[in-house]
Amino acid sequence: MKPARHHLARCRRCSAPIVWCLTSANGKRQPVNYEPDETGNVAVMQGADGKLYVRAVTAARPEIRPGEWQAKPHQATCPARQLPGRSSAPSPRAVQGVRPVPWQR
């Protein structure tokens, strides 16, 4: 099962097709790949309000229920994502205004 076309969006970084879902745990928005994937670790379903909801597929709840489809979070597959340890922020500047003499008691 695929999400409806009106849910389709594009990733700002790589332009891949994604859908925005609300997490079932805390209601935050999460980008998920538009194409279903049997190796994915999330289950997506459309709620009665027309919004998409996502939950993690865990060992405690591994089954995909009727009306859900399995997918991958887009952060896991985005080719333009930032790699760990590589920040786009500039490196910290040297500390200025340091005492030139050691502290004395």
PDB file of N, CA and C in Angstrom:
ATOM      1  N   MET A   1       0.842  -1.181   0.000  1.00  0.00           N
ATOM      2  CA  MET A   1       0.000   0.000   0.000  1.00  0.00           C
ATOM      3  C   MET A   1       0.881   1.236   0.000  1.00  0.00           C
ATOM      4  N   LYS A   2       0.509   2.233  -0.756  1.00  0.00           N
ATOM      5  CA  LYS A   2       1.250   3.481  -0.855  1.00  0.00           C
ATOM      6  C   LYS A   2       0.420   4.612  -0.272  1.00  0.00           C
ATOM      7  N   PRO A   3       1.080   5.656   0.252  1.00  0.00           N
ATOM      8  CA  PRO A   3       0.320   6.813   0.717  1.00  0.00           C
ATOM      9  C   PRO A   3      -0.316   7.550  -0.462  1.00  0.00           C
ATOM     10  N   ALA A   4      -1.351   8.302  -0.188  1.00  0.00           N
ATOM     11  CA  ALA A   4      -2.036   9.063  -1.231  1.00  0.00           C
ATOM     12  C   ALA A   4      -1.097  10.124  -1.812  1.00  0.00           C
ATOM     13  N   ARG A   5      -1.301  10.488  -3.065  1.00  0.00           N
ATOM     14  CA  ARG A   5      -0.439  11.455  -3.756  1.00  0.00           C
ATOM     15  C   ARG A   5      -0.460  12.824  -3.079  1.00  0.00           C
ATOM     16  N   HIS A   6      -1.558  13.189  -2.414  1.00  0.00           N
ATOM     17  CA  HIS A   6      -1.607  14.517  -1.805  1.00  0.00           C
ATOM     18  C   HIS A   6      -0.701  14.625  -0.578  1.00  0.00           C
ATOM     19  N   HIS A   7      -0.187  13.494  -0.080  1.00  0.00           N
ATOM     20  CA  HIS A   7       0.758  13.505   1.039  1.00  0.00           C
ATOM     21  C   HIS A   7       2.203  13.656   0.548  1.00  0.00           C
ATOM     22  N   LEU A   8       2.417  13.509  -0.750  1.00  0.00           N
ATOM     23  CA  LEU A   8       3.753  13.531  -1.324  1.00  0.00           C
ATOM     24  C   LEU A   8       4.422  14.884  -1.132  1.00  0.00           C
ATOM     25  N   ALA A   9       5.680  14.853  -0.672  1.00  0.00           N
ATOM     26  CA  ALA A   9       6.513  16.053  -0.539  1.00  0.00           C
ATOM     27  C   ALA A   9       7.896  15.678  -1.060  1.00  0.00           C
ATOM     28  N   ARG A  10       8.805  16.636  -1.081  1.00  0.00           N
ATOM     29  CA  ARG A  10      10.174  16.389  -1.536  1.00  0.00           C
ATOM     30  C   ARG A  10      11.152  16.793  -0.448  1.00  0.00           C
ATOM     31  N   CYS A  11      12.222  16.024  -0.302  1.00  0.00           N
ATOM     32  CA  CYS A  11      13.284  16.345   0.653  1.00  0.00           C
ATOM     33  C   CYS A  11      13.978  17.616   0.170  1.00  0.00           C
ATOM     34  N   ARG A  12      14.231  18.543   1.070  1.00  0.00           N
ATOM     35  CA  ARG A  12      14.896  19.802   0.702  1.00  0.00           C
ATOM     36  C   ARG A  12      16.333  19.584   0.265  1.00  0.00           C
ATOM     37  N   ARG A  13      16.969  18.539   0.775  1.00  0.00           N
ATOM     38  CA  ARG A  13      18.385  18.313   0.485  1.00  0.00           C
ATOM     39  C   ARG A  13      18.618  17.471  -0.762  1.00  0.00           C
ATOM     40  N   CYS A  14      17.841  16.397  -0.936  1.00  0.00           N
ATOM     41  CA  CYS A  14      18.117  15.472  -2.045  1.00  0.00           C
ATOM     42  C   CYS A  14      16.964  15.375  -3.049  1.00  0.00           C
ATOM     43  N   SER A  15      15.854  16.024  -2.792  1.00  0.00           N
ATOM     44  CA  SER A  15      14.666  16.036  -3.667  1.00  0.00           C
ATOM     45  C   SER A  15      13.991  14.679  -3.807  1.00  0.00           C
ATOM     46  N   ALA A  16      14.276  13.748  -2.914  1.00  0.00           N
ATOM     47  CA  ALA A  16      13.622  12.444  -2.953  1.00  0.00           C
ATOM     48  C   ALA A  16      12.168  12.580  -2.498  1.00  0.00           C
ATOM     49  N   PRO A  17      11.271  11.728  -3.005  1.00  0.00           N
ATOM     50  CA  PRO A  17       9.878  11.782  -2.562  1.00  0.00           C
ATOM     51  C   PRO A  17       9.742  11.259  -1.129  1.00  0.00           C
ATOM     52  N   ILE A  18       9.090  12.038  -0.284  1.00  0.00           N
ATOM     53  CA  ILE A  18       8.871  11.664   1.122  1.00  0.00           C
ATOM     54  C   ILE A  18       7.439  11.990   1.508  1.00  0.00           C
ATOM     55  N   VAL A  19       7.042  11.495   2.654  1.00  0.00           N
ATOM     56  CA  VAL A  19       5.779  11.887   3.281  1.00  0.00           C
ATOM     57  C   VAL A  19       6.094  12.295   4.711  1.00  0.00           C
ATOM     58  N   TRP A  20       5.380  13.281   5.209  1.00  0.00           N
ATOM     59  CA  TRP A  20       5.543  13.714   6.596  1.00  0.00           C
ATOM     60  C   TRP A  20       4.505  12.996   7.440  1.00  0.00           C
ATOM     61  N   CYS A  21       4.975  12.378   8.517  1.00  0.00           N
ATOM     62  CA  CYS A  21       4.099  11.624   9.415  1.00  0.00           C
ATOM     63  C   CYS A  21       4.233  12.172  10.825  1.00  0.00           C
ATOM     64  N   LEU A  22       3.236  11.909  11.638  1.00  0.00           N
ATOM     65  CA  LEU A  22       3.305  12.229  13.061  1.00  0.00           C
ATOM     66  C   LEU A  22       3.659  10.945  13.802  1.00  0.00           C
ATOM     67  N   THR A  23       4.617  11.039  14.718  1.00  0.00           N
ATOM     68  CA  THR A  23       5.009   9.840  15.461  1.00  0.00           C
ATOM     69  C   THR A  23       3.932   9.504  16.481  1.00  0.00           C
ATOM     70  N   SER A  24       3.699   8.215  16.673  1.00  0.00           N
ATOM     71  CA  SER A  24       2.686   7.791  17.638  1.00  0.00           C
ATOM     72  C   SER A  24       3.190   7.972  19.064  1.00  0.00           C
ATOM     73  N   ALA A  25       4.511   8.024  19.257  1.00  0.00           N
ATOM     74  CA  ALA A  25       5.075   8.153  20.598  1.00  0.00           C
ATOM     75  C   ALA A  25       4.891   9.559  21.173  1.00  0.00           C
ATOM     76  N   ASN A  26       5.194  10.598  20.369  1.00  0.00           N
ATOM     77  CA  ASN A  26       5.140  11.953  20.919  1.00  0.00           C
ATOM     78  C   ASN A  26       4.521  12.994  19.992  1.00  0.00           C
ATOM     79  N   GLY A  27       4.012  12.587  18.850  1.00  0.00           N
ATOM     80  CA  GLY A  27       3.324  13.510  17.955  1.00  0.00           C
ATOM     81  C   GLY A  27       4.226  14.444  17.178  1.00  0.00           C
ATOM     82  N   LYS A  28       5.533  14.179  17.132  1.00  0.00           N
ATOM     83  CA  LYS A  28       6.450  15.015  16.358  1.00  0.00           C
ATOM     84  C   LYS A  28       6.440  14.580  14.906  1.00  0.00           C
ATOM     85  N   ARG A  29       6.790  15.510  14.011  1.00  0.00           N
ATOM     86  CA  ARG A  29       6.819  15.212  12.581  1.00  0.00           C
ATOM     87  C   ARG A  29       8.082  14.441  12.219  1.00  0.00           C
ATOM     88  N   GLN A  30       7.928  13.433  11.352  1.00  0.00           N
ATOM     89  CA  GLN A  30       9.055  12.625  10.908  1.00  0.00           C
ATOM     90  C   GLN A  30       8.932  12.383   9.413  1.00  0.00           C
ATOM     91  N   PRO A  31       9.998  12.649   8.645  1.00  0.00           N
ATOM     92  CA  PRO A  31       9.950  12.340   7.215  1.00  0.00           C
ATOM     93  C   PRO A  31      10.177  10.844   6.991  1.00  0.00           C
ATOM     94  N   VAL A  32       9.364  10.265   6.130  1.00  0.00           N
ATOM     95  CA  VAL A  32       9.443   8.837   5.808  1.00  0.00           C
ATOM     96  C   VAL A  32       9.483   8.721   4.293  1.00  0.00           C
ATOM     97  N   ASN A  33      10.247   7.763   3.777  1.00  0.00           N
ATOM     98  CA  ASN A  33      10.309   7.549   2.331  1.00  0.00           C
ATOM     99  C   ASN A  33       8.911   7.262   1.783  1.00  0.00           C
ATOM    100  N   TYR A  34       8.628   7.807   0.615  1.00  0.00           N
ATOM    101  CA  TYR A  34       7.316   7.646  -0.008  1.00  0.00           C
ATOM    102  C   TYR A  34       7.068   6.196  -0.436  1.00  0.00           C
ATOM    103  N   GLU A  35       8.106   5.525  -0.912  1.00  0.00           N
ATOM    104  CA  GLU A  35       7.956   4.152  -1.391  1.00  0.00           C
ATOM    105  C   GLU A  35       7.954   3.178  -0.216  1.00  0.00           C
ATOM    106  N   PRO A  36       7.003   2.255  -0.155  1.00  0.00           N
ATOM    107  CA  PRO A  36       7.028   1.213   0.874  1.00  0.00           C
ATOM    108  C   PRO A  36       8.290   0.356   0.745  1.00  0.00           C
ATOM    109  N   ASP A  37       8.767  -0.150   1.865  1.00  0.00           N
ATOM    110  CA  ASP A  37       9.988  -0.950   1.885  1.00  0.00           C
ATOM    111  C   ASP A  37       9.833  -2.073   2.903  1.00  0.00           C
ATOM    112  N   GLU A  38       9.940  -3.315   2.455  1.00  0.00           N
ATOM    113  CA  GLU A  38       9.755  -4.463   3.352  1.00  0.00           C
ATOM    114  C   GLU A  38      10.852  -4.576   4.397  1.00  0.00           C
ATOM    115  N   THR A  39      11.981  -3.900   4.194  1.00  0.00           N
ATOM    116  CA  THR A  39      13.074  -3.935   5.171  1.00  0.00           C
ATOM    117  C   THR A  39      13.010  -2.746   6.135  1.00  0.00           C
ATOM    118  N   GLY A  40      11.988  -1.924   6.000  1.00  0.00           N
ATOM    119  CA  GLY A  40      11.862  -0.739   6.845  1.00  0.00           C
ATOM    120  C   GLY A  40      11.579  -1.068   8.292  1.00  0.00           C
ATOM    121  N   ASN A  41      11.863  -0.117   9.167  1.00  0.00           N
ATOM    122  CA  ASN A  41      11.654  -0.343  10.600  1.00  0.00           C
ATOM    123  C   ASN A  41      10.547   0.529  11.178  1.00  0.00           C
ATOM    124  N   VAL A  42       9.704   1.097  10.307  1.00  0.00           N
ATOM    125  CA  VAL A  42       8.548   1.848  10.777  1.00  0.00           C
ATOM    126  C   VAL A  42       7.304   1.388  10.015  1.00  0.00           C
ATOM    127  N   ALA A  43       6.157   1.523  10.660  1.00  0.00           N
ATOM    128  CA  ALA A  43       4.870   1.216  10.038  1.00  0.00           C
ATOM    129  C   ALA A  43       4.086   2.512   9.950  1.00  0.00           C
ATOM    130  N   VAL A  44       3.535   2.793   8.780  1.00  0.00           N
ATOM    131  CA  VAL A  44       2.806   4.033   8.517  1.00  0.00           C
ATOM    132  C   VAL A  44       1.348   3.697   8.251  1.00  0.00           C
ATOM    133  N   MET A  45       0.457   4.516   8.799  1.00  0.00           N
ATOM    134  CA  MET A  45      -0.965   4.343   8.520  1.00  0.00           C
ATOM    135  C   MET A  45      -1.632   5.707   8.433  1.00  0.00           C
ATOM    136  N   GLN A  46      -2.728   5.766   7.713  1.00  0.00           N
ATOM    137  CA  GLN A  46      -3.498   6.996   7.622  1.00  0.00           C
ATOM    138  C   GLN A  46      -4.597   6.944   8.661  1.00  0.00           C
ATOM    139  N   GLY A  47      -4.640   7.977   9.500  1.00  0.00           N
ATOM    140  CA  GLY A  47      -5.650   8.041  10.543  1.00  0.00           C
ATOM    141  C   GLY A  47      -6.999   8.484   9.999  1.00  0.00           C
ATOM    142  N   ALA A  48      -8.003   8.443  10.847  1.00  0.00           N
ATOM    143  CA  ALA A  48      -9.356   8.859  10.458  1.00  0.00           C
ATOM    144  C   ALA A  48      -9.405  10.341  10.107  1.00  0.00           C
ATOM    145  N   ASP A  49      -8.452  11.118  10.638  1.00  0.00           N
ATOM    146  CA  ASP A  49      -8.401  12.553  10.350  1.00  0.00           C
ATOM    147  C   ASP A  49      -7.669  12.860   9.046  1.00  0.00           C
ATOM    148  N   GLY A  50      -7.179  11.823   8.337  1.00  0.00           N
ATOM    149  CA  GLY A  50      -6.502  12.011   7.063  1.00  0.00           C
ATOM    150  C   GLY A  50      -5.006  12.213   7.188  1.00  0.00           C
ATOM    151  N   LYS A  51      -4.493  12.339   8.391  1.00  0.00           N
ATOM    152  CA  LYS A  51      -3.057  12.514   8.601  1.00  0.00           C
ATOM    153  C   LYS A  51      -2.372  11.155   8.633  1.00  0.00           C
ATOM    154  N   LEU A  52      -1.068  11.162   8.330  1.00  0.00           N
ATOM    155  CA  LEU A  52      -0.280   9.938   8.383  1.00  0.00           C
ATOM    156  C   LEU A  52       0.383   9.828   9.742  1.00  0.00           C
ATOM    157  N   TYR A  53       0.355   8.628  10.306  1.00  0.00           N
ATOM    158  CA  TYR A  53       0.965   8.354  11.598  1.00  0.00           C
ATOM    159  C   TYR A  53       1.993   7.247  11.423  1.00  0.00           C
ATOM    160  N   VAL A  54       3.087   7.333  12.161  1.00  0.00           N
ATOM    161  CA  VAL A  54       4.163   6.362  12.055  1.00  0.00           C
ATOM    162  C   VAL A  54       4.473   5.800  13.440  1.00  0.00           C
ATOM    163  N   ARG A  55       4.780   4.520  13.474  1.00  0.00           N
ATOM    164  CA  ARG A  55       5.205   3.873  14.718  1.00  0.00           C
ATOM    165  C   ARG A  55       6.396   2.988  14.395  1.00  0.00           C
ATOM    166  N   ALA A  56       7.208   2.729  15.387  1.00  0.00           N
ATOM    167  CA  ALA A  56       8.375   1.869  15.200  1.00  0.00           C
ATOM    168  C   ALA A  56       7.935   0.411  15.163  1.00  0.00           C
ATOM    169  N   VAL A  57       8.559  -0.356  14.295  1.00  0.00           N
ATOM    170  CA  VAL A  57       8.354  -1.801  14.261  1.00  0.00           C
ATOM    171  C   VAL A  57       9.423  -2.381  15.178  1.00  0.00           C
ATOM    172  N   THR A  58       8.994  -2.942  16.299  1.00  0.00           N
ATOM    173  CA  THR A  58       9.918  -3.443  17.309  1.00  0.00           C
ATOM    174  C   THR A  58       9.718  -4.940  17.517  1.00  0.00           C
ATOM    175  N   ALA A  59      10.580  -5.523  18.326  1.00  0.00           N
ATOM    176  CA  ALA A  59      10.429  -6.947  18.638  1.00  0.00           C
ATOM    177  C   ALA A  59       9.133  -7.191  19.401  1.00  0.00           C
ATOM    178  N   ALA A  60       8.709  -6.209  20.197  1.00  0.00           N
ATOM    179  CA  ALA A  60       7.461  -6.362  20.953  1.00  0.00           C
ATOM    180  C   ALA A  60       6.234  -6.248  20.039  1.00  0.00           C
ATOM    181  N   ARG A  61       6.323  -5.437  18.976  1.00  0.00           N
ATOM    182  CA  ARG A  61       5.211  -5.257  18.032  1.00  0.00           C
ATOM    183  C   ARG A  61       5.728  -5.352  16.602  1.00  0.00           C
ATOM    184  N   PRO A  62       6.120  -6.558  16.157  1.00  0.00           N
ATOM    185  CA  PRO A  62       6.713  -6.691  14.827  1.00  0.00           C
ATOM    186  C   PRO A  62       5.705  -6.793  13.684  1.00  0.00           C
ATOM    187  N   GLU A  63       4.450  -7.045  13.993  1.00  0.00           N
ATOM    188  CA  GLU A  63       3.458  -7.293  12.936  1.00  0.00           C
ATOM    189  C   GLU A  63       3.003  -5.979  12.290  1.00  0.00           C
ATOM    190  N   ILE A  64       2.729  -6.077  10.996  1.00  0.00           N
ATOM    191  CA  ILE A  64       2.162  -4.962  10.250  1.00  0.00           C
ATOM    192  C   ILE A  64       0.667  -5.209  10.188  1.00  0.00           C
ATOM    193  N   ARG A  65      -0.095  -4.301  10.745  1.00  0.00           N
ATOM    194  CA  ARG A  65      -1.554  -4.474  10.830  1.00  0.00           C
ATOM    195  C   ARG A  65      -2.229  -4.081   9.516  1.00  0.00           C
ATOM    196  N   PRO A  66      -3.476  -4.491   9.315  1.00  0.00           N
ATOM    197  CA  PRO A  66      -4.209  -4.076   8.120  1.00  0.00           C
ATOM    198  C   PRO A  66      -4.311  -2.552   8.060  1.00  0.00           C
ATOM    199  N   GLY A  67      -4.064  -1.988   6.906  1.00  0.00           N
ATOM    200  CA  GLY A  67      -4.106  -0.540   6.728  1.00  0.00           C
ATOM    201  C   GLY A  67      -2.755   0.125   6.944  1.00  0.00           C
ATOM    202  N   GLU A  68      -1.759  -0.614   7.383  1.00  0.00           N
ATOM    203  CA  GLU A  68      -0.411  -0.068   7.568  1.00  0.00           C
ATOM    204  C   GLU A  68       0.488  -0.539   6.431  1.00  0.00           C
ATOM    205  N   TRP A  69       1.549   0.214   6.188  1.00  0.00           N
ATOM    206  CA  TRP A  69       2.581  -0.241   5.275  1.00  0.00           C
ATOM    207  C   TRP A  69       3.931   0.040   5.903  1.00  0.00           C
ATOM    208  N   GLN A  70       4.900  -0.787   5.541  1.00  0.00           N
ATOM    209  CA  GLN A  70       6.230  -0.715   6.123  1.00  0.00           C
ATOM    210  C   GLN A  70       7.098   0.209   5.269  1.00  0.00           C
ATOM    211  N   ALA A  71       7.893   1.040   5.918  1.00  0.00           N
ATOM    212  CA  ALA A  71       8.752   1.985   5.212  1.00  0.00           C
ATOM    213  C   ALA A  71       9.996   2.256   6.038  1.00  0.00           C
ATOM    214  N   LYS A  72      10.878   3.094   5.477  1.00  0.00           N
ATOM    215  CA  LYS A  72      12.091   3.503   6.182  1.00  0.00           C
ATOM    216  C   LYS A  72      12.019   4.997   6.464  1.00  0.00           C
ATOM    217  N   PRO A  73      12.531   5.434   7.631  1.00  0.00           N
ATOM    218  CA  PRO A  73      12.641   6.871   7.877  1.00  0.00           C
ATOM    219  C   PRO A  73      13.606   7.470   6.846  1.00  0.00           C
ATOM    220  N   HIS A  74      13.307   8.663   6.369  1.00  0.00           N
ATOM    221  CA  HIS A  74      14.131   9.246   5.315  1.00  0.00           C
ATOM    222  C   HIS A  74      15.536   9.586   5.801  1.00  0.00           C
ATOM    223  N   GLN A  75      15.701   9.877   7.087  1.00  0.00           N
ATOM    224  CA  GLN A  75      17.034  10.196   7.601  1.00  0.00           C
ATOM    225  C   GLN A  75      17.998   9.027   7.382  1.00  0.00           C
ATOM    226  N   ALA A  76      17.488   7.804   7.361  1.00  0.00           N
ATOM    227  CA  ALA A  76      18.337   6.624   7.202  1.00  0.00           C
ATOM    228  C   ALA A  76      18.818   6.442   5.769  1.00  0.00           C
ATOM    229  N   THR A  77      18.128   7.012   4.793  1.00  0.00           N
ATOM    230  CA  THR A  77      18.469   6.776   3.393  1.00  0.00           C
ATOM    231  C   THR A  77      18.832   8.029   2.619  1.00  0.00           C
ATOM    232  N   CYS A  78      18.739   9.195   3.203  1.00  0.00           N
ATOM    233  CA  CYS A  78      19.014  10.450   2.500  1.00  0.00           C
ATOM    234  C   CYS A  78      20.496  10.536   2.142  1.00  0.00           C
ATOM    235  N   PRO A  79      20.831  10.634   0.858  1.00  0.00           N
ATOM    236  CA  PRO A  79      22.240  10.716   0.479  1.00  0.00           C
ATOM    237  C   PRO A  79      22.881  12.047   0.878  1.00  0.00           C
ATOM    238  N   ALA A  80      22.096  13.052   1.161  1.00  0.00           N
ATOM    239  CA  ALA A  80      22.629  14.375   1.506  1.00  0.00           C
ATOM    240  C   ALA A  80      22.674  14.624   3.003  1.00  0.00           C
ATOM    241  N   ARG A  81      22.377  13.599   3.807  1.00  0.00           N
ATOM    242  CA  ARG A  81      22.375  13.806   5.256  1.00  0.00           C
ATOM    243  C   ARG A  81      23.786  14.074   5.756  1.00  0.00           C
ATOM    244  N   GLN A  82      23.871  14.739   6.890  1.00  0.00           N
ATOM    245  CA  GLN A  82      25.173  15.017   7.475  1.00  0.00           C
ATOM    246  C   GLN A  82      25.684  13.767   8.169  1.00  0.00           C
ATOM    247  N   LEU A  83      26.936  13.465   7.962  1.00  0.00           N
ATOM    248  CA  LEU A  83      27.547  12.299   8.592  1.00  0.00           C
ATOM    249  C   LEU A  83      27.931  12.631  10.026  1.00  0.00           C
ATOM    250  N   PRO A  84      27.890  11.657  10.924  1.00  0.00           N
ATOM    251  CA  PRO A  84      28.276  11.918  12.309  1.00  0.00           C
ATOM    252  C   PRO A  84      29.713  12.424  12.382  1.00  0.00           C
ATOM    253  N   GLY A  85      29.927  13.415  13.232  1.00  0.00           N
ATOM    254  CA  GLY A  85      31.255  13.971  13.392  1.00  0.00           C
ATOM    255  C   GLY A  85      31.584  15.070  12.403  1.00  0.00           C
ATOM    256  N   ARG A  86      30.710  15.305  11.446  1.00  0.00           N
ATOM    257  CA  ARG A  86      30.934  16.361  10.464  1.00  0.00           C
ATOM    258  C   ARG A  86      29.858  17.411  10.654  1.00  0.00           C
ATOM    259  N   SER A  87      30.242  18.495  11.203  1.00  0.00           N
ATOM    260  CA  SER A  87      29.289  19.563  11.471  1.00  0.00           C
ATOM    261  C   SER A  87      29.475  20.673  10.451  1.00  0.00           C
ATOM    262  N   SER A  88      28.402  21.308  10.074  1.00  0.00           N
ATOM    263  CA  SER A  88      28.505  22.440   9.165  1.00  0.00           C
ATOM    264  C   SER A  88      28.813  23.725   9.931  1.00  0.00           C
ATOM    265  N   ALA A  89      28.772  23.642  11.253  1.00  0.00           N
ATOM    266  CA  ALA A  89      29.082  24.804  12.071  1.00  0.00           C
ATOM    267  C   ALA A  89      30.584  25.072  12.034  1.00  0.00           C
ATOM    268  N   PRO A  90      30.970  26.330  12.073  1.00  0.00           N
ATOM    269  CA  PRO A  90      32.400  26.633  12.063  1.00  0.00           C
ATOM    270  C   PRO A  90      33.074  26.127  13.330  1.00  0.00           C
ATOM    271  N   SER A  91      34.360  25.881  13.229  1.00  0.00           N
ATOM    272  CA  SER A  91      35.093  25.393  14.401  1.00  0.00           C
ATOM    273  C   SER A  91      35.148  26.490  15.455  1.00  0.00           C
ATOM    274  N   PRO A  92      35.218  26.116  16.729  1.00  0.00           N
ATOM    275  CA  PRO A  92      35.215  27.131  17.784  1.00  0.00           C
ATOM    276  C   PRO A  92      36.454  28.026  17.690  1.00  0.00           C
ATOM    277  N   ARG A  93      36.242  29.281  17.972  1.00  0.00           N
ATOM    278  CA  ARG A  93      37.356  30.235  17.914  1.00  0.00           C
ATOM    279  C   ARG A  93      38.218  30.086  19.154  1.00  0.00           C
ATOM    280  N   ALA A  94      39.424  30.595  19.057  1.00  0.00           N
ATOM    281  CA  ALA A  94      40.323  30.583  20.206  1.00  0.00           C
ATOM    282  C   ALA A  94      39.724  31.459  21.301  1.00  0.00           C
ATOM    283  N   VAL A  95      39.897  31.035  22.527  1.00  0.00           N
ATOM    284  CA  VAL A  95      39.371  31.781  23.659  1.00  0.00           C
ATOM    285  C   VAL A  95      40.191  33.057  23.825  1.00  0.00           C
ATOM    286  N   GLN A  96      39.503  34.172  23.938  1.00  0.00           N
ATOM    287  CA  GLN A  96      40.195  35.448  24.111  1.00  0.00           C
ATOM    288  C   GLN A  96      39.955  35.953  25.517  1.00  0.00           C
ATOM    289  N   GLY A  97      40.894  36.735  26.002  1.00  0.00           N
ATOM    290  CA  GLY A  97      40.749  37.327  27.321  1.00  0.00           C
ATOM    291  C   GLY A  97      41.178  36.408  28.434  1.00  0.00           C
ATOM    292  N   VAL A  98      42.064  35.465  28.153  1.00  0.00           N
ATOM    293  CA  VAL A  98      42.543  34.547  29.170  1.00  0.00           C
ATOM    294  C   VAL A  98      43.636  35.241  29.977  1.00  0.00           C
ATOM    295  N   ARG A  99      43.661  34.986  31.278  1.00  0.00           N
ATOM    296  CA  ARG A  99      44.677  35.582  32.137  1.00  0.00           C
ATOM    297  C   ARG A  99      46.079  35.188  31.687  1.00  0.00           C
ATOM    298  N   PRO A 100      46.963  36.125  31.515  1.00  0.00           N
ATOM    299  CA  PRO A 100      48.315  35.798  31.103  1.00  0.00           C
ATOM    300  C   PRO A 100      49.188  35.248  32.231  1.00  0.00           C
ATOM    301  N   VAL A 101      48.767  35.420  33.479  1.00  0.00           N
ATOM    302  CA  VAL A 101      49.570  34.930  34.603  1.00  0.00           C
ATOM    303  C   VAL A 101      48.773  33.885  35.364  1.00  0.00           C
ATOM    304  N   PRO A 102      49.447  32.934  36.001  1.00  0.00           N
ATOM    305  CA  PRO A 102      48.716  31.918  36.776  1.00  0.00           C
ATOM    306  C   PRO A 102      48.057  32.537  38.002  1.00  0.00           C
ATOM    307  N   TRP A 103      47.006  31.890  38.459  1.00  0.00           N
ATOM    308  CA  TRP A 103      46.306  32.337  39.660  1.00  0.00           C
ATOM    309  C   TRP A 103      47.230  32.220  40.866  1.00  0.00           C
ATOM    310  N   GLN A 104      47.099  33.170  41.759  1.00  0.00           N
ATOM    311  CA  GLN A 104      47.884  33.115  42.988  1.00  0.00           C
ATOM    312  C   GLN A 104      46.949  33.091  44.181  1.00  0.00           C
ATOM    313  N   ARG A 105      47.331  32.372  45.188  1.00  0.00           N
ATOM    314  CA  ARG A 105      46.522  32.291  46.393  1.00  0.00           C
ATOM    315  C   ARG A 105      46.951  33.276  47.417  1.00  0.00           C
TER     316      ARG A 105
END
